[in-house]
Amino acid sequence: MRHLKFLFASLLVSILAFSGSMAQAQSGTNTQTQKAQAKAAAKTNQKAEASKQNSNKAPVQPELAAHELQIADKVHVGNLPCELGAVVSMNADEKSPGYFNLQGKGYKYRMKPVATTTGAIRLEDEKAGAVWLQLANKSMLMDQKNGRRLADECAHPDQVAFANEMKLNPPPALIDVNTAPTSAPR
């Protein structure tokens, strides 16, 4: 009987030890799984944080040449009223000298100066295909990809003053035709 009690006690201890080791093994697996999940979550958070920081930074723009910066100095900024009651907002980018943010109803562009042979001030957003032309008396925004004007007759107060001056004192015609008879000595 003693032997039977001893055998029963041994069996009971073995079962308890086995179930304890199984629980410990499951707990170890759960711990390892939890550690792996925590590590993956930390990496995901780091990537999200890095992405958020990168999105808060302005896009890195190449520095402009001296002649492009000279063009940028002549660009009219502010809210510019256009024809048909439209308004265009042109603002210089403080972080990227020479670049401008142009915004209107339904569009937003990142513009940079481009040299021209005509003397007109030209800004472009190459990706979007937008072109801003600033003349002495008006400005206009064109969508080159779709071949249409987005805003026309936009005018800064300086341009309005110039346009009024042109009405009072029109510039000479490009081709003057003298209709008065000339008498040439023979």
N, C-alpha and C. Protein backbone atom coordinates (compact mmCIF):
# COMPACT_ATOMS: atom_id res chain seq x y z
N MET A 1 0.80 -1.16 0.00
CA MET A 1 0.00 0.00 0.00
C MET A 1 0.87 1.25 0.00
N ARG A 2 1.90 1.18 0.77
CA ARG A 2 2.83 2.29 0.80
C ARG A 2 3.39 2.53 -0.58
N HIS A 3 3.68 1.50 -1.23
CA HIS A 3 4.23 1.61 -2.57
C HIS A 3 3.22 2.24 -3.50
N LEU A 4 1.97 1.90 -3.35
CA LEU A 4 0.91 2.45 -4.17
C LEU A 4 0.73 3.95 -3.90
N LYS A 5 0.80 4.33 -2.61
CA LYS A 5 0.70 5.75 -2.27
C LYS A 5 1.86 6.52 -2.87
N PHE A 6 3.05 5.93 -2.79
CA PHE A 6 4.23 6.58 -3.34
C PHE A 6 4.08 6.75 -4.84
N LEU A 7 3.61 5.72 -5.52
CA LEU A 7 3.41 5.75 -6.96
C LEU A 7 2.36 6.80 -7.34
N PHE A 8 1.29 6.86 -6.58
CA PHE A 8 0.24 7.84 -6.83
C PHE A 8 0.77 9.25 -6.61
N ALA A 9 1.51 9.47 -5.57
CA ALA A 9 2.07 10.79 -5.28
C ALA A 9 3.05 11.19 -6.38
N SER A 10 3.86 10.25 -6.85
CA SER A 10 4.82 10.53 -7.92
C SER A 10 4.09 10.90 -9.20
N LEU A 11 3.05 10.15 -9.45
CA LEU A 11 2.27 10.43 -10.64
C LEU A 11 1.62 11.81 -10.56
N LEU A 12 1.10 12.14 -9.41
CA LEU A 12 0.48 13.45 -9.21
C LEU A 12 1.50 14.58 -9.36
N VAL A 13 2.67 14.40 -8.83
CA VAL A 13 3.74 15.40 -8.94
C VAL A 13 4.16 15.53 -10.40
N SER A 14 4.25 14.42 -11.09
CA SER A 14 4.64 14.45 -12.50
C SER A 14 3.61 15.19 -13.33
N ILE A 15 2.33 14.91 -13.06
CA ILE A 15 1.26 15.59 -13.80
C ILE A 15 1.30 17.08 -13.52
N LEU A 16 1.45 17.43 -12.26
CA LEU A 16 1.52 18.86 -11.92
C LEU A 16 2.74 19.52 -12.55
N ALA A 17 3.86 18.85 -12.54
CA ALA A 17 5.08 19.40 -13.13
C ALA A 17 4.92 19.56 -14.63
N PHE A 18 4.31 18.54 -15.25
CA PHE A 18 4.10 18.59 -16.69
C PHE A 18 3.16 19.74 -17.06
N SER A 19 2.05 19.86 -16.31
CA SER A 19 1.11 20.94 -16.62
C SER A 19 1.75 22.30 -16.33
N GLY A 20 2.57 22.38 -15.32
CA GLY A 20 3.27 23.64 -15.01
C GLY A 20 4.25 24.01 -16.11
N SER A 21 4.96 22.98 -16.62
CA SER A 21 5.91 23.28 -17.69
C SER A 21 5.18 23.68 -18.98
N MET A 22 4.01 23.06 -19.23
CA MET A 22 3.21 23.43 -20.40
C MET A 22 2.73 24.89 -20.28
N ALA A 23 2.26 25.23 -19.10
CA ALA A 23 1.79 26.61 -18.87
C ALA A 23 2.94 27.58 -19.05
N GLN A 24 4.09 27.18 -18.54
CA GLN A 24 5.27 28.04 -18.65
C GLN A 24 5.68 28.17 -20.11
N ALA A 25 5.61 27.06 -20.88
CA ALA A 25 5.97 27.09 -22.29
C ALA A 25 5.00 28.00 -23.05
N GLN A 26 3.70 27.87 -22.76
CA GLN A 26 2.72 28.75 -23.41
C GLN A 26 2.95 30.19 -23.02
N SER A 27 3.23 30.41 -21.77
CA SER A 27 3.50 31.75 -21.29
C SER A 27 4.74 32.31 -21.97
N GLY A 28 5.76 31.48 -22.15
CA GLY A 28 6.98 31.91 -22.83
C GLY A 28 6.70 32.24 -24.28
N THR A 29 5.86 31.43 -24.93
CA THR A 29 5.49 31.69 -26.31
C THR A 29 4.69 32.99 -26.40
N ASN A 30 3.75 33.16 -25.47
CA ASN A 30 2.97 34.39 -25.46
C ASN A 30 3.87 35.59 -25.21
N THR A 31 4.82 35.44 -24.31
CA THR A 31 5.75 36.52 -24.01
C THR A 31 6.58 36.85 -25.24
N GLN A 32 7.06 35.82 -25.92
CA GLN A 32 7.84 36.05 -27.13
C GLN A 32 6.98 36.71 -28.21
N THR A 33 5.75 36.25 -28.35
CA THR A 33 4.84 36.84 -29.32
C THR A 33 4.55 38.30 -28.96
N GLN A 34 4.33 38.53 -27.67
CA GLN A 34 4.06 39.90 -27.23
C GLN A 34 5.27 40.79 -27.47
N LYS A 35 6.46 40.25 -27.23
CA LYS A 35 7.68 41.04 -27.46
C LYS A 35 7.82 41.36 -28.95
N ALA A 36 7.56 40.39 -29.82
CA ALA A 36 7.66 40.60 -31.26
C ALA A 36 6.63 41.62 -31.73
N GLN A 37 5.41 41.51 -31.19
CA GLN A 37 4.37 42.46 -31.57
C GLN A 37 4.72 43.86 -31.09
N ALA A 38 5.26 43.96 -29.90
CA ALA A 38 5.64 45.27 -29.36
C ALA A 38 6.76 45.88 -30.20
N LYS A 39 7.70 45.04 -30.63
CA LYS A 39 8.81 45.51 -31.45
C LYS A 39 8.30 46.00 -32.81
N ALA A 40 7.38 45.25 -33.42
CA ALA A 40 6.82 45.64 -34.71
C ALA A 40 6.02 46.93 -34.57
N ALA A 41 5.27 47.06 -33.49
CA ALA A 41 4.49 48.28 -33.25
C ALA A 41 5.42 49.48 -33.08
N ALA A 42 6.53 49.28 -32.38
CA ALA A 42 7.48 50.37 -32.18
C ALA A 42 8.07 50.81 -33.51
N LYS A 43 8.40 49.84 -34.38
CA LYS A 43 8.95 50.19 -35.70
C LYS A 43 7.92 50.95 -36.52
N THR A 44 6.67 50.49 -36.47
CA THR A 44 5.61 51.17 -37.21
C THR A 44 5.44 52.60 -36.70
N ASN A 45 5.49 52.78 -35.38
CA ASN A 45 5.37 54.13 -34.81
C ASN A 45 6.52 55.01 -35.23
N GLN A 46 7.74 54.42 -35.27
CA GLN A 46 8.90 55.21 -35.69
C GLN A 46 8.75 55.64 -37.14
N LYS A 47 8.28 54.72 -38.01
CA LYS A 47 8.10 55.07 -39.41
C LYS A 47 7.03 56.14 -39.56
N ALA A 48 5.95 56.01 -38.81
CA ALA A 48 4.87 56.99 -38.88
C ALA A 48 5.37 58.36 -38.41
N GLU A 49 6.15 58.37 -37.34
CA GLU A 49 6.71 59.62 -36.81
C GLU A 49 7.64 60.25 -37.83
N ALA A 50 8.50 59.43 -38.46
CA ALA A 50 9.43 59.96 -39.46
C ALA A 50 8.65 60.51 -40.66
N SER A 51 7.62 59.79 -41.07
CA SER A 51 6.80 60.25 -42.19
C SER A 51 6.10 61.56 -41.85
N LYS A 52 5.61 61.66 -40.62
CA LYS A 52 4.93 62.89 -40.19
C LYS A 52 5.91 64.06 -40.17
N GLN A 53 7.12 63.82 -39.70
CA GLN A 53 8.12 64.88 -39.66
C GLN A 53 8.49 65.30 -41.07
N ASN A 54 8.62 64.34 -41.99
CA ASN A 54 8.97 64.68 -43.36
C ASN A 54 7.85 65.44 -44.04
N SER A 55 6.60 65.10 -43.72
CA SER A 55 5.49 65.80 -44.35
C SER A 55 5.35 67.22 -43.81
N ASN A 56 5.81 67.47 -42.59
CA ASN A 56 5.76 68.83 -42.03
C ASN A 56 6.80 69.73 -42.65
N LYS A 57 7.87 69.14 -43.17
CA LYS A 57 8.91 69.94 -43.79
C LYS A 57 8.47 70.32 -45.19
N ALA A 58 8.89 71.52 -45.63
CA ALA A 58 8.60 71.93 -47.00
C ALA A 58 9.42 71.05 -47.93
N PRO A 59 8.89 70.78 -49.12
CA PRO A 59 9.65 69.96 -50.05
C PRO A 59 10.98 70.63 -50.36
N VAL A 60 12.01 69.82 -50.46
CA VAL A 60 13.33 70.37 -50.73
C VAL A 60 13.36 70.86 -52.17
N GLN A 61 13.64 72.14 -52.32
CA GLN A 61 13.67 72.75 -53.64
C GLN A 61 15.11 73.12 -53.97
N PRO A 62 15.51 72.94 -55.21
CA PRO A 62 16.86 73.37 -55.58
C PRO A 62 16.97 74.89 -55.49
N GLU A 63 18.13 75.34 -55.10
CA GLU A 63 18.33 76.79 -55.01
C GLU A 63 18.29 77.39 -56.41
N LEU A 64 17.78 78.60 -56.48
CA LEU A 64 17.64 79.26 -57.77
C LEU A 64 18.91 80.04 -58.12
N ALA A 65 19.12 80.22 -59.42
CA ALA A 65 20.25 81.00 -59.91
C ALA A 65 19.99 82.48 -59.64
N ALA A 66 21.03 83.28 -59.73
CA ALA A 66 20.92 84.72 -59.44
C ALA A 66 19.91 85.40 -60.35
N HIS A 67 19.91 85.05 -61.64
CA HIS A 67 18.96 85.69 -62.57
C HIS A 67 17.52 85.30 -62.25
N GLU A 68 17.30 84.10 -61.73
CA GLU A 68 15.95 83.68 -61.35
C GLU A 68 15.50 84.43 -60.09
N LEU A 69 16.42 84.67 -59.16
CA LEU A 69 16.09 85.44 -57.96
C LEU A 69 15.77 86.89 -58.32
N GLN A 70 16.44 87.43 -59.34
CA GLN A 70 16.13 88.79 -59.79
C GLN A 70 14.72 88.86 -60.37
N ILE A 71 14.32 87.82 -61.08
CA ILE A 71 12.95 87.76 -61.61
C ILE A 71 11.97 87.70 -60.44
N ALA A 72 12.28 86.86 -59.45
CA ALA A 72 11.39 86.68 -58.29
C ALA A 72 11.17 87.99 -57.54
N ASP A 73 12.17 88.85 -57.52
CA ASP A 73 12.03 90.13 -56.81
C ASP A 73 10.96 91.03 -57.45
N LYS A 74 10.64 90.80 -58.71
CA LYS A 74 9.68 91.64 -59.43
C LYS A 74 8.25 91.09 -59.39
N VAL A 75 8.05 89.93 -58.80
CA VAL A 75 6.72 89.31 -58.79
C VAL A 75 5.82 90.03 -57.79
N HIS A 76 4.61 90.36 -58.22
CA HIS A 76 3.62 90.99 -57.34
C HIS A 76 2.99 89.92 -56.46
N VAL A 77 2.95 90.16 -55.16
CA VAL A 77 2.35 89.20 -54.23
C VAL A 77 1.12 89.81 -53.56
N GLY A 78 0.31 88.94 -53.00
CA GLY A 78 -0.90 89.36 -52.32
C GLY A 78 -2.11 88.77 -53.01
N ASN A 79 -3.28 89.27 -52.65
CA ASN A 79 -4.53 88.85 -53.29
C ASN A 79 -4.75 89.73 -54.51
N LEU A 80 -4.78 89.10 -55.66
CA LEU A 80 -4.92 89.83 -56.91
C LEU A 80 -6.30 89.58 -57.50
N PRO A 81 -7.15 90.62 -57.59
CA PRO A 81 -8.46 90.43 -58.21
C PRO A 81 -8.31 90.22 -59.72
N CYS A 82 -9.15 89.32 -60.24
CA CYS A 82 -9.12 88.98 -61.66
C CYS A 82 -10.50 89.24 -62.26
N GLU A 83 -10.63 88.99 -63.56
CA GLU A 83 -11.92 89.18 -64.21
C GLU A 83 -12.94 88.18 -63.68
N LEU A 84 -14.19 88.50 -63.85
CA LEU A 84 -15.32 87.66 -63.44
C LEU A 84 -15.35 87.40 -61.94
N GLY A 85 -14.77 88.29 -61.15
CA GLY A 85 -14.82 88.18 -59.69
C GLY A 85 -13.87 87.17 -59.08
N ALA A 86 -13.02 86.58 -59.89
CA ALA A 86 -12.05 85.60 -59.35
C ALA A 86 -10.94 86.34 -58.59
N VAL A 87 -10.30 85.64 -57.67
CA VAL A 87 -9.18 86.19 -56.91
C VAL A 87 -8.08 85.15 -56.87
N VAL A 88 -6.87 85.60 -57.09
CA VAL A 88 -5.69 84.73 -57.03
C VAL A 88 -4.82 85.22 -55.88
N SER A 89 -4.34 84.29 -55.08
CA SER A 89 -3.46 84.63 -53.96
C SER A 89 -2.05 84.17 -54.30
N MET A 90 -1.13 85.13 -54.39
CA MET A 90 0.28 84.84 -54.69
C MET A 90 1.10 85.19 -53.46
N ASN A 91 1.79 84.20 -52.90
CA ASN A 91 2.60 84.41 -51.70
C ASN A 91 3.99 83.86 -51.89
N ALA A 92 4.98 84.64 -51.46
CA ALA A 92 6.37 84.18 -51.52
C ALA A 92 6.59 83.12 -50.45
N ASP A 93 7.36 82.10 -50.78
CA ASP A 93 7.69 81.06 -49.82
C ASP A 93 8.87 81.54 -48.98
N GLU A 94 8.66 81.67 -47.69
CA GLU A 94 9.70 82.19 -46.80
C GLU A 94 10.86 81.22 -46.65
N LYS A 95 10.59 79.92 -46.76
CA LYS A 95 11.63 78.91 -46.55
C LYS A 95 12.47 78.66 -47.80
N SER A 96 11.90 78.93 -48.96
CA SER A 96 12.61 78.71 -50.23
C SER A 96 12.59 80.01 -51.03
N PRO A 97 13.63 80.83 -50.91
CA PRO A 97 13.66 82.11 -51.62
C PRO A 97 13.48 81.93 -53.13
N GLY A 98 12.62 82.77 -53.71
CA GLY A 98 12.38 82.73 -55.15
C GLY A 98 11.19 81.87 -55.54
N TYR A 99 10.69 81.05 -54.65
CA TYR A 99 9.53 80.20 -54.94
C TYR A 99 8.26 80.88 -54.43
N PHE A 100 7.15 80.58 -55.09
CA PHE A 100 5.88 81.18 -54.74
C PHE A 100 4.79 80.13 -54.66
N ASN A 101 3.81 80.38 -53.81
CA ASN A 101 2.63 79.53 -53.71
C ASN A 101 1.47 80.34 -54.27
N LEU A 102 0.88 79.83 -55.35
CA LEU A 102 -0.22 80.50 -56.01
C LEU A 102 -1.47 79.67 -55.78
N GLN A 103 -2.54 80.34 -55.38
CA GLN A 103 -3.76 79.62 -55.02
C GLN A 103 -4.98 80.39 -55.49
N GLY A 104 -5.95 79.66 -55.95
CA GLY A 104 -7.22 80.24 -56.38
C GLY A 104 -8.31 79.22 -56.16
N LYS A 105 -9.47 79.50 -56.69
CA LYS A 105 -10.60 78.59 -56.50
C LYS A 105 -10.38 77.32 -57.32
N GLY A 106 -10.11 76.22 -56.61
CA GLY A 106 -9.95 74.93 -57.27
C GLY A 106 -8.54 74.59 -57.72
N TYR A 107 -7.56 75.40 -57.37
CA TYR A 107 -6.18 75.07 -57.76
C TYR A 107 -5.19 75.65 -56.76
N LYS A 108 -4.03 75.01 -56.73
CA LYS A 108 -2.94 75.43 -55.86
C LYS A 108 -1.65 74.99 -56.54
N TYR A 109 -0.74 75.94 -56.76
CA TYR A 109 0.49 75.64 -57.48
C TYR A 109 1.72 76.14 -56.73
N ARG A 110 2.82 75.47 -56.97
CA ARG A 110 4.14 75.85 -56.45
C ARG A 110 4.92 76.38 -57.64
N MET A 111 5.14 77.68 -57.66
CA MET A 111 5.71 78.34 -58.84
C MET A 111 7.17 78.74 -58.62
N LYS A 112 7.93 78.69 -59.72
CA LYS A 112 9.31 79.18 -59.69
C LYS A 112 9.54 80.03 -60.93
N PRO A 113 10.41 81.03 -60.82
CA PRO A 113 10.66 81.93 -61.95
C PRO A 113 11.39 81.24 -63.09
N VAL A 114 11.04 81.67 -64.32
CA VAL A 114 11.69 81.16 -65.53
C VAL A 114 12.05 82.37 -66.38
N ALA A 115 13.25 82.38 -66.91
CA ALA A 115 13.72 83.51 -67.73
C ALA A 115 12.98 83.52 -69.07
N THR A 116 12.69 84.73 -69.56
CA THR A 116 12.05 84.90 -70.87
C THR A 116 12.86 85.88 -71.69
N THR A 117 12.63 85.86 -72.99
CA THR A 117 13.32 86.82 -73.86
C THR A 117 12.50 88.09 -74.06
N THR A 118 11.22 88.05 -73.67
CA THR A 118 10.33 89.19 -73.90
C THR A 118 10.34 90.21 -72.77
N GLY A 119 10.84 89.83 -71.62
CA GLY A 119 10.81 90.74 -70.47
C GLY A 119 9.61 90.51 -69.58
N ALA A 120 8.69 89.67 -70.01
CA ALA A 120 7.54 89.33 -69.16
C ALA A 120 8.05 88.46 -68.01
N ILE A 121 7.40 88.58 -66.89
CA ILE A 121 7.76 87.75 -65.73
C ILE A 121 6.95 86.46 -65.84
N ARG A 122 7.66 85.35 -65.82
CA ARG A 122 7.02 84.04 -66.02
C ARG A 122 7.36 83.14 -64.83
N LEU A 123 6.32 82.56 -64.25
CA LEU A 123 6.48 81.58 -63.19
C LEU A 123 5.85 80.28 -63.67
N GLU A 124 6.45 79.15 -63.30
CA GLU A 124 5.93 77.86 -63.73
C GLU A 124 5.86 76.86 -62.60
N ASP A 125 4.86 76.00 -62.68
CA ASP A 125 4.79 74.78 -61.89
C ASP A 125 4.90 73.67 -62.93
N GLU A 126 6.11 73.14 -63.11
CA GLU A 126 6.36 72.19 -64.18
C GLU A 126 5.53 70.92 -64.04
N LYS A 127 5.39 70.42 -62.81
CA LYS A 127 4.63 69.19 -62.60
C LYS A 127 3.17 69.35 -63.02
N ALA A 128 2.56 70.44 -62.61
CA ALA A 128 1.15 70.66 -62.89
C ALA A 128 0.90 71.26 -64.27
N GLY A 129 1.93 71.84 -64.87
CA GLY A 129 1.77 72.46 -66.18
C GLY A 129 1.16 73.84 -66.12
N ALA A 130 1.26 74.50 -64.96
CA ALA A 130 0.69 75.84 -64.80
C ALA A 130 1.74 76.91 -65.09
N VAL A 131 1.30 78.00 -65.73
CA VAL A 131 2.18 79.12 -66.06
C VAL A 131 1.51 80.41 -65.64
N TRP A 132 2.24 81.25 -64.91
CA TRP A 132 1.79 82.57 -64.50
C TRP A 132 2.58 83.58 -65.31
N LEU A 133 1.89 84.42 -66.07
CA LEU A 133 2.55 85.48 -66.83
C LEU A 133 2.16 86.81 -66.23
N GLN A 134 3.19 87.59 -65.90
CA GLN A 134 2.95 88.91 -65.32
C GLN A 134 3.50 89.95 -66.27
N LEU A 135 2.60 90.76 -66.81
CA LEU A 135 2.98 91.86 -67.68
C LEU A 135 2.91 93.15 -66.87
N ALA A 136 3.22 94.27 -67.51
CA ALA A 136 3.20 95.54 -66.79
C ALA A 136 1.80 95.94 -66.35
N ASN A 137 0.77 95.56 -67.16
CA ASN A 137 -0.58 96.02 -66.86
C ASN A 137 -1.55 94.93 -66.41
N LYS A 138 -1.17 93.67 -66.46
CA LYS A 138 -2.05 92.57 -66.02
C LYS A 138 -1.25 91.28 -65.89
N SER A 139 -1.89 90.29 -65.27
CA SER A 139 -1.30 88.96 -65.14
C SER A 139 -2.35 87.93 -65.51
N MET A 140 -1.89 86.73 -65.86
CA MET A 140 -2.82 85.65 -66.19
C MET A 140 -2.21 84.31 -65.80
N LEU A 141 -3.07 83.36 -65.51
CA LEU A 141 -2.68 82.00 -65.15
C LEU A 141 -3.19 81.06 -66.21
N MET A 142 -2.29 80.25 -66.76
CA MET A 142 -2.66 79.31 -67.82
C MET A 142 -2.35 77.88 -67.41
N ASP A 143 -3.19 76.97 -67.87
CA ASP A 143 -3.01 75.54 -67.68
C ASP A 143 -2.52 75.00 -69.02
N GLN A 144 -1.21 74.76 -69.12
CA GLN A 144 -0.63 74.33 -70.39
C GLN A 144 -1.05 72.91 -70.76
N LYS A 145 -1.26 72.06 -69.77
CA LYS A 145 -1.63 70.68 -70.07
C LYS A 145 -2.98 70.61 -70.76
N ASN A 146 -3.92 71.44 -70.33
CA ASN A 146 -5.27 71.42 -70.91
C ASN A 146 -5.51 72.57 -71.89
N GLY A 147 -4.50 73.42 -72.07
CA GLY A 147 -4.59 74.50 -73.04
C GLY A 147 -5.69 75.52 -72.76
N ARG A 148 -5.78 75.99 -71.52
CA ARG A 148 -6.81 76.98 -71.20
C ARG A 148 -6.31 77.95 -70.14
N ARG A 149 -6.97 79.09 -70.06
CA ARG A 149 -6.65 80.09 -69.04
C ARG A 149 -7.49 79.79 -67.80
N LEU A 150 -6.84 79.81 -66.66
CA LEU A 150 -7.55 79.61 -65.40
C LEU A 150 -7.96 80.94 -64.78
N ALA A 151 -7.16 81.97 -65.03
CA ALA A 151 -7.46 83.31 -64.51
C ALA A 151 -6.87 84.33 -65.48
N ASP A 152 -7.63 85.39 -65.74
CA ASP A 152 -7.16 86.41 -66.68
C ASP A 152 -7.47 87.79 -66.11
N GLU A 153 -6.76 88.78 -66.62
CA GLU A 153 -6.94 90.17 -66.18
C GLU A 153 -6.73 90.33 -64.68
N CYS A 154 -5.81 89.56 -64.11
CA CYS A 154 -5.49 89.72 -62.69
C CYS A 154 -4.58 90.93 -62.56
N ALA A 155 -4.80 91.73 -61.53
CA ALA A 155 -4.03 92.96 -61.45
C ALA A 155 -3.71 93.35 -60.01
N HIS A 156 -2.45 93.61 -59.78
CA HIS A 156 -1.94 94.19 -58.54
C HIS A 156 -2.18 95.71 -58.66
N PRO A 157 -2.30 96.44 -57.56
CA PRO A 157 -2.50 97.89 -57.67
C PRO A 157 -1.46 98.60 -58.55
N ASP A 158 -0.23 98.15 -58.55
CA ASP A 158 0.79 98.75 -59.43
C ASP A 158 0.44 98.53 -60.90
N GLN A 159 -0.11 97.35 -61.21
CA GLN A 159 -0.50 97.06 -62.60
C GLN A 159 -1.72 97.88 -63.00
N VAL A 160 -2.64 98.09 -62.08
CA VAL A 160 -3.82 98.91 -62.37
C VAL A 160 -3.37 100.34 -62.68
N ALA A 161 -2.44 100.86 -61.91
CA ALA A 161 -1.92 102.22 -62.14
C ALA A 161 -1.25 102.31 -63.51
N PHE A 162 -0.48 101.29 -63.88
CA PHE A 162 0.20 101.28 -65.17
C PHE A 162 -0.82 101.22 -66.31
N ALA A 163 -1.85 100.40 -66.15
CA ALA A 163 -2.89 100.28 -67.18
C ALA A 163 -3.60 101.62 -67.37
N ASN A 164 -3.89 102.32 -66.27
CA ASN A 164 -4.54 103.63 -66.36
C ASN A 164 -3.63 104.64 -67.07
N GLU A 165 -2.36 104.57 -66.78
CA GLU A 165 -1.39 105.46 -67.43
C GLU A 165 -1.33 105.19 -68.93
N MET A 166 -1.43 103.90 -69.30
CA MET A 166 -1.42 103.55 -70.73
C MET A 166 -2.65 104.11 -71.45
N LYS A 167 -3.77 104.19 -70.74
CA LYS A 167 -4.99 104.74 -71.35
C LYS A 167 -4.84 106.24 -71.59
N LEU A 168 -4.20 106.92 -70.61
CA LEU A 168 -4.02 108.37 -70.74
C LEU A 168 -2.93 108.72 -71.74
N ASN A 169 -1.86 107.97 -71.72
CA ASN A 169 -0.72 108.21 -72.61
C ASN A 169 -0.37 106.91 -73.33
N PRO A 170 -1.09 106.62 -74.39
CA PRO A 170 -0.82 105.35 -75.07
C PRO A 170 0.59 105.30 -75.65
N PRO A 171 1.17 104.12 -75.63
CA PRO A 171 2.52 103.99 -76.19
C PRO A 171 2.46 104.15 -77.71
N PRO A 172 3.58 104.52 -78.32
CA PRO A 172 3.57 104.68 -79.78
C PRO A 172 3.33 103.33 -80.46
N ALA A 173 2.72 103.39 -81.62
CA ALA A 173 2.45 102.17 -82.38
C ALA A 173 3.78 101.54 -82.79
N LEU A 174 3.76 100.25 -82.92
CA LEU A 174 4.99 99.56 -83.32
C LEU A 174 5.41 99.93 -84.73
N ILE A 175 4.46 100.06 -85.61
CA ILE A 175 4.77 100.44 -86.99
C ILE A 175 4.03 101.75 -87.26
N ASP A 176 4.80 102.81 -87.28
CA ASP A 176 4.21 104.11 -87.58
C ASP A 176 4.18 104.29 -89.09
N VAL A 177 3.01 104.54 -89.60
CA VAL A 177 2.88 104.82 -91.02
C VAL A 177 2.63 106.31 -91.15
N ASN A 178 3.54 106.98 -91.76
CA ASN A 178 3.42 108.42 -91.94
C ASN A 178 2.56 108.66 -93.18
N THR A 179 1.39 109.23 -92.99
CA THR A 179 0.48 109.47 -94.11
C THR A 179 0.64 110.86 -94.70
N ALA A 180 1.42 111.70 -94.06
CA ALA A 180 1.62 113.04 -94.61
C ALA A 180 2.49 112.96 -95.86
N PRO A 181 2.12 113.73 -96.91
CA PRO A 181 2.95 113.68 -98.12
C PRO A 181 4.31 114.33 -97.86
N THR A 182 5.28 113.70 -98.39
CA THR A 182 6.62 114.25 -98.25
C THR A 182 7.06 114.80 -99.59
N SER A 183 7.65 115.91 -99.52
CA SER A 183 8.15 116.48 -100.78
C SER A 183 9.65 116.28 -100.81
N ALA A 184 10.03 115.52 -101.74
CA ALA A 184 11.45 115.24 -101.89
C ALA A 184 12.03 116.15 -102.97
N PRO A 185 13.10 116.79 -102.66
CA PRO A 185 13.73 117.64 -103.70
C PRO A 185 14.28 116.79 -104.84
N ARG A 186 14.09 117.27 -106.03
CA ARG A 186 14.61 116.55 -107.20
C ARG A 186 15.71 117.27 -107.80
